[in-house]
Every structure is written in structure tokens, then in C-alpha cells.
């Protein structure tokens, strides 16, 4: 459950940053979404599961 909460928080922050930086066309939004997921998934995993060990 902690993983989902951390991932949701990181994704919301990522989309807020991407909305300010990326142009509003479809291809930029798709690429931005893939980048956000590629960055936030490992970060959430590390924060929740690896950091505590």
C-alpha cells in the first residue's frame, strides 16, 4: 500500500512539472508520460522497499 501511495504522489508531481515544461501536443504528452513512469516506478520501489533494509 505504501508503494501505491508513493507512486501516486510522484506521478502527480511529475505531471505537474510536465504540464509546465512540455508543449500541449499529443506526442509530447505521450513521451512525457513514459518518462514519468520510467523515473517514478524505480524511485517508488527504492523508497518503499530498498531504503528500509
PDB file of N, CA and C in Angstrom:
ATOM      1  N   UNK A   1       0.819  -1.190   0.000  1.00  0.00           N
ATOM      2  CA  UNK A   1       0.000   0.000   0.000  1.00  0.00           C
ATOM      3  C   UNK A   1       0.863   1.255   0.000  1.00  0.00           C
ATOM      4  N   UNK A   2       2.008   1.205   0.699  1.00  0.00           N
ATOM      5  CA  UNK A   2       2.910   2.351   0.702  1.00  0.00           C
ATOM      6  C   UNK A   2       3.454   2.628  -0.693  1.00  0.00           C
ATOM      7  N   UNK A   3       3.713   1.549  -1.445  1.00  0.00           N
ATOM      8  CA  UNK A   3       4.235   1.711  -2.796  1.00  0.00           C
ATOM      9  C   UNK A   3       3.250   2.486  -3.663  1.00  0.00           C
ATOM     10  N   UNK A   4       1.980   2.135  -3.586  1.00  0.00           N
ATOM     11  CA  UNK A   4       0.971   2.830  -4.399  1.00  0.00           C
ATOM     12  C   UNK A   4       0.828   4.289  -3.994  1.00  0.00           C
ATOM     13  N   UNK A   5       0.910   4.568  -2.716  1.00  0.00           N
ATOM     14  CA  UNK A   5       0.814   5.953  -2.261  1.00  0.00           C
ATOM     15  C   UNK A   5       2.016   6.759  -2.735  1.00  0.00           C
ATOM     16  N   UNK A   6       3.196   6.181  -2.628  1.00  0.00           N
ATOM     17  CA  UNK A   6       4.397   6.882  -3.083  1.00  0.00           C
ATOM     18  C   UNK A   6       4.359   7.097  -4.591  1.00  0.00           C
ATOM     19  N   UNK A   7       3.943   6.077  -5.327  1.00  0.00           N
ATOM     20  CA  UNK A   7       3.871   6.185  -6.785  1.00  0.00           C
ATOM     21  C   UNK A   7       2.854   7.234  -7.205  1.00  0.00           C
ATOM     22  N   UNK A   8       1.705   7.258  -6.552  1.00  0.00           N
ATOM     23  CA  UNK A   8       0.690   8.254  -6.882  1.00  0.00           C
ATOM     24  C   UNK A   8       1.196   9.668  -6.624  1.00  0.00           C
ATOM     25  N   UNK A   9       1.892   9.859  -5.525  1.00  0.00           N
ATOM     26  CA  UNK A   9       2.435  11.191  -5.212  1.00  0.00           C
ATOM     27  C   UNK A   9       3.481  11.604  -6.237  1.00  0.00           C
ATOM     28  N   UNK A  10       4.384  10.701  -6.584  1.00  0.00           N
ATOM     29  CA  UNK A  10       5.416  11.027  -7.571  1.00  0.00           C
ATOM     30  C   UNK A  10       4.815  11.307  -8.945  1.00  0.00           C
ATOM     31  N   UNK A  11       3.797  10.542  -9.326  1.00  0.00           N
ATOM     32  CA  UNK A  11       3.162  10.759 -10.624  1.00  0.00           C
ATOM     33  C   UNK A  11       2.468  12.116 -10.664  1.00  0.00           C
ATOM     34  N   UNK A  12       1.798  12.491  -9.595  1.00  0.00           N
ATOM     35  CA  UNK A  12       1.138  13.799  -9.572  1.00  0.00           C
ATOM     36  C   UNK A  12       2.157  14.928  -9.692  1.00  0.00           C
ATOM     37  N   UNK A  13       3.261  14.807  -8.992  1.00  0.00           N
ATOM     38  CA  UNK A  13       4.308  15.830  -9.095  1.00  0.00           C
ATOM     39  C   UNK A  13       4.908  15.832 -10.503  1.00  0.00           C
ATOM     40  N   UNK A  14       5.126  14.657 -11.052  1.00  0.00           N
ATOM     41  CA  UNK A  14       5.678  14.553 -12.409  1.00  0.00           C
ATOM     42  C   UNK A  14       4.780  15.176 -13.445  1.00  0.00           C
ATOM     43  N   UNK A  15       3.481  14.938 -13.353  1.00  0.00           N
ATOM     44  CA  UNK A  15       2.556  15.538 -14.310  1.00  0.00           C
ATOM     45  C   UNK A  15       2.452  17.046 -14.130  1.00  0.00           C
ATOM     46  N   UNK A  16       2.554  17.524 -12.911  1.00  0.00           N
ATOM     47  CA  UNK A  16       2.518  18.968 -12.678  1.00  0.00           C
ATOM     48  C   UNK A  16       3.740  19.637 -13.309  1.00  0.00           C
ATOM     49  N   UNK A  17       4.900  19.015 -13.167  1.00  0.00           N
ATOM     50  CA  UNK A  17       6.111  19.561 -13.770  1.00  0.00           C
ATOM     51  C   UNK A  17       6.035  19.471 -15.292  1.00  0.00           C
ATOM     52  N   UNK A  18       5.579  18.332 -15.808  1.00  0.00           N
ATOM     53  CA  UNK A  18       5.486  18.157 -17.255  1.00  0.00           C
ATOM     54  C   UNK A  18       4.484  19.127 -17.878  1.00  0.00           C
ATOM     55  N   UNK A  19       3.426  19.438 -17.182  1.00  0.00           N
ATOM     56  CA  UNK A  19       2.441  20.380 -17.712  1.00  0.00           C
ATOM     57  C   UNK A  19       3.033  21.770 -17.875  1.00  0.00           C
ATOM     58  N   UNK A  20       3.994  22.104 -17.045  1.00  0.00           N
ATOM     59  CA  UNK A  20       4.632  23.417 -17.143  1.00  0.00           C
ATOM     60  C   UNK A  20       5.737  23.450 -18.199  1.00  0.00           C
ATOM     61  N   UNK A  21       6.378  22.328 -18.443  1.00  0.00           N
ATOM     62  CA  UNK A  21       7.550  22.312 -19.323  1.00  0.00           C
ATOM     63  C   UNK A  21       7.267  21.868 -20.746  1.00  0.00           C
ATOM     64  N   UNK A  22       6.336  20.957 -20.944  1.00  0.00           N
ATOM     65  CA  UNK A  22       6.117  20.364 -22.257  1.00  0.00           C
ATOM     66  C   UNK A  22       5.038  21.117 -23.036  1.00  0.00           C
ATOM     67  N   UNK A  23       5.183  21.163 -24.351  1.00  0.00           N
ATOM     68  CA  UNK A  23       4.120  21.763 -25.153  1.00  0.00           C
ATOM     69  C   UNK A  23       2.877  20.869 -25.138  1.00  0.00           C
ATOM     70  N   UNK A  24       1.704  21.447 -25.370  1.00  0.00           N
ATOM     71  CA  UNK A  24       0.459  20.677 -25.209  1.00  0.00           C
ATOM     72  C   UNK A  24       0.052  19.841 -26.435  1.00  0.00           C
ATOM     73  N   UNK A  25       0.989  19.213 -27.104  1.00  0.00           N
ATOM     74  CA  UNK A  25       0.608  18.340 -28.209  1.00  0.00           C
ATOM     75  C   UNK A  25       0.665  16.875 -27.773  1.00  0.00           C
ATOM     76  N   UNK A  26      -0.005  16.035 -28.518  1.00  0.00           N
ATOM     77  CA  UNK A  26      -0.189  14.636 -28.124  1.00  0.00           C
ATOM     78  C   UNK A  26       1.133  13.876 -27.992  1.00  0.00           C
ATOM     79  N   UNK A  27       2.029  14.036 -28.945  1.00  0.00           N
ATOM     80  CA  UNK A  27       3.277  13.269 -28.893  1.00  0.00           C
ATOM     81  C   UNK A  27       4.125  13.666 -27.684  1.00  0.00           C
ATOM     82  N   UNK A  28       4.161  14.929 -27.345  1.00  0.00           N
ATOM     83  CA  UNK A  28       4.916  15.362 -26.163  1.00  0.00           C
ATOM     84  C   UNK A  28       4.297  14.819 -24.884  1.00  0.00           C
ATOM     85  N   UNK A  29       2.991  14.750 -24.833  1.00  0.00           N
ATOM     86  CA  UNK A  29       2.324  14.221 -23.645  1.00  0.00           C
ATOM     87  C   UNK A  29       2.577  12.727 -23.491  1.00  0.00           C
ATOM     88  N   UNK A  30       2.574  11.994 -24.585  1.00  0.00           N
ATOM     89  CA  UNK A  30       2.848  10.553 -24.524  1.00  0.00           C
ATOM     90  C   UNK A  30       4.285  10.307 -24.088  1.00  0.00           C
ATOM     91  N   UNK A  31       5.229  11.019 -24.671  1.00  0.00           N
ATOM     92  CA  UNK A  31       6.631  10.865 -24.293  1.00  0.00           C
ATOM     93  C   UNK A  31       6.829  11.271 -22.844  1.00  0.00           C
ATOM     94  N   UNK A  32       6.203  12.345 -22.420  1.00  0.00           N
ATOM     95  CA  UNK A  32       6.307  12.788 -21.037  1.00  0.00           C
ATOM     96  C   UNK A  32       5.766  11.756 -20.067  1.00  0.00           C
ATOM     97  N   UNK A  33       4.655  11.138 -20.413  1.00  0.00           N
ATOM     98  CA  UNK A  33       4.076  10.101 -19.558  1.00  0.00           C
ATOM     99  C   UNK A  33       5.011   8.905 -19.434  1.00  0.00           C
ATOM    100  N   UNK A  34       5.605   8.493 -20.531  1.00  0.00           N
ATOM    101  CA  UNK A  34       6.541   7.364 -20.484  1.00  0.00           C
ATOM    102  C   UNK A  34       7.770   7.697 -19.642  1.00  0.00           C
ATOM    103  N   UNK A  35       8.257   8.918 -19.772  1.00  0.00           N
ATOM    104  CA  UNK A  35       9.417   9.333 -18.970  1.00  0.00           C
ATOM    105  C   UNK A  35       9.051   9.382 -17.493  1.00  0.00           C
ATOM    106  N   UNK A  36       7.889   9.928 -17.187  1.00  0.00           N
ATOM    107  CA  UNK A  36       7.444   9.997 -15.789  1.00  0.00           C
ATOM    108  C   UNK A  36       7.358   8.606 -15.188  1.00  0.00           C
ATOM    109  N   UNK A  37       6.769   7.663 -15.904  1.00  0.00           N
ATOM    110  CA  UNK A  37       6.662   6.291 -15.392  1.00  0.00           C
ATOM    111  C   UNK A  37       8.026   5.627 -15.263  1.00  0.00           C
ATOM    112  N   UNK A  38       8.909   5.876 -16.232  1.00  0.00           N
ATOM    113  CA  UNK A  38      10.242   5.268 -16.185  1.00  0.00           C
ATOM    114  C   UNK A  38      11.058   5.794 -15.007  1.00  0.00           C
ATOM    115  N   UNK A  39      10.787   7.002 -14.576  1.00  0.00           N
ATOM    116  CA  UNK A  39      11.531   7.582 -13.454  1.00  0.00           C
ATOM    117  C   UNK A  39      10.865   7.254 -12.123  1.00  0.00           C
ATOM    118  N   UNK A  40       9.545   7.370 -12.061  1.00  0.00           N
ATOM    119  CA  UNK A  40       8.868   7.249 -10.767  1.00  0.00           C
ATOM    120  C   UNK A  40       8.708   5.809 -10.276  1.00  0.00           C
ATOM    121  N   UNK A  41       8.553   4.857 -11.169  1.00  0.00           N
ATOM    122  CA  UNK A  41       8.400   3.472 -10.716  1.00  0.00           C
ATOM    123  C   UNK A  41       9.634   2.971  -9.962  1.00  0.00           C
ATOM    124  N   UNK A  42      10.843   3.101 -10.520  1.00  0.00           N
ATOM    125  CA  UNK A  42      12.017   2.668  -9.739  1.00  0.00           C
ATOM    126  C   UNK A  42      12.240   3.515  -8.484  1.00  0.00           C
ATOM    127  N   UNK A  43      11.942   4.798  -8.567  1.00  0.00           N
ATOM    128  CA  UNK A  43      12.111   5.660  -7.400  1.00  0.00           C
ATOM    129  C   UNK A  43      11.171   5.244  -6.275  1.00  0.00           C
ATOM    130  N   UNK A  44       9.932   4.944  -6.590  1.00  0.00           N
ATOM    131  CA  UNK A  44       8.976   4.488  -5.575  1.00  0.00           C
ATOM    132  C   UNK A  44       9.399   3.147  -4.993  1.00  0.00           C
ATOM    133  N   UNK A  45       9.856   2.253  -5.851  1.00  0.00           N
ATOM    134  CA  UNK A  45      10.310   0.947  -5.376  1.00  0.00           C
ATOM    135  C   UNK A  45      11.471   1.118  -4.404  1.00  0.00           C
ATOM    136  N   UNK A  46      12.448   1.929  -4.782  1.00  0.00           N
ATOM    137  CA  UNK A  46      13.599   2.144  -3.916  1.00  0.00           C
ATOM    138  C   UNK A  46      13.185   2.779  -2.592  1.00  0.00           C
ATOM    139  N   UNK A  47      12.312   3.758  -2.672  1.00  0.00           N
ATOM    140  CA  UNK A  47      11.899   4.462  -1.471  1.00  0.00           C
ATOM    141  C   UNK A  47      11.164   3.544  -0.499  1.00  0.00           C
ATOM    142  N   UNK A  48      10.311   2.677  -1.003  1.00  0.00           N
ATOM    143  CA  UNK A  48       9.469   1.850  -0.131  1.00  0.00           C
ATOM    144  C   UNK A  48      10.165   0.559   0.290  1.00  0.00           C
ATOM    145  N   UNK A  49      10.787  -0.151  -0.650  1.00  0.00           N
ATOM    146  CA  UNK A  49      11.293  -1.486  -0.347  1.00  0.00           C
ATOM    147  C   UNK A  49      12.781  -1.542  -0.038  1.00  0.00           C
ATOM    148  N   UNK A  50      13.602  -0.800  -0.701  1.00  0.00           N
ATOM    149  CA  UNK A  50      15.051  -0.906  -0.527  1.00  0.00           C
ATOM    150  C   UNK A  50      15.602  -0.021   0.571  1.00  0.00           C
ATOM    151  N   UNK A  51      15.009   1.113   0.780  1.00  0.00           N
ATOM    152  CA  UNK A  51      15.551   2.066   1.739  1.00  0.00           C
ATOM    153  C   UNK A  51      15.461   1.550   3.177  1.00  0.00           C
ATOM    154  N   UNK A  52      14.466   0.755   3.466  1.00  0.00           N
ATOM    155  CA  UNK A  52      14.272   0.266   4.817  1.00  0.00           C
ATOM    156  C   UNK A  52      15.214  -0.851   5.229  1.00  0.00           C
ATOM    157  N   UNK A  53      15.914  -1.459   4.294  1.00  0.00           N
ATOM    158  CA  UNK A  53      16.781  -2.600   4.602  1.00  0.00           C
ATOM    159  C   UNK A  53      18.143  -2.189   5.025  1.00  0.00           C
TER     160      UNK A  53
END
